[in-house]
Amino acid sequence: MAQQEFVIHRVTTFSSGVAQAIRNLAQQEGKNYKDLSDGEVKEMIESPLHFLYLARDTKSNAFVGMVLLMVFRIPYVRKGYIDDLVVDEKFRNKGLGTQLMQRAVDTAREKGAAYIDFTSRPRRDASNNLYEKLGFEKRETNVYRLICDYGEI
């Protein structure tokens, strides 16, 4: 059986197809999904702090994964933050999550990030195993959230 092949590229231009792919993948994140407007998708793509990557399956030509990296300066260092790593359910366990994370890590390093943070729910065993395999270390920290806008997230 041939190995699954993916092409990962940074999204730098808005299109309705890209916006729909992002919406479709984001829906798989779970109950906290909120439909994104075209304006919100454009905002992510056009921000100089955001690096949004989409993965396309070379056989079906479908978008099957994404990751969003933010790189920004805080008072003492430049840091990276990864959010919304999503691999389509049908394409999981094929190495795509690893490829997407590696692309985000490589970009963070290229942009001078001293470190990269992100969060993952404890119940996501496969995801947490992947992050540890990639060299990420679990931190002892408190995570706080204040809901400012549109209900429970």
Foldseek 3Di string as FASTA:
>chain_A
DDAWDKDKDWQQDDDPLVLVLVLVQQPVVDDVDDRDDSVRVNCQNHDPQKTKMWMATPVVRGTFWIKIKGWADDPPFIAIEIDDTTGHPVCPPRCPSVVRVVVNVVVNVVVGHPYYDYDDDPVPVVVVVSCVVVPDDDDDDDDDDDDDDDDDD
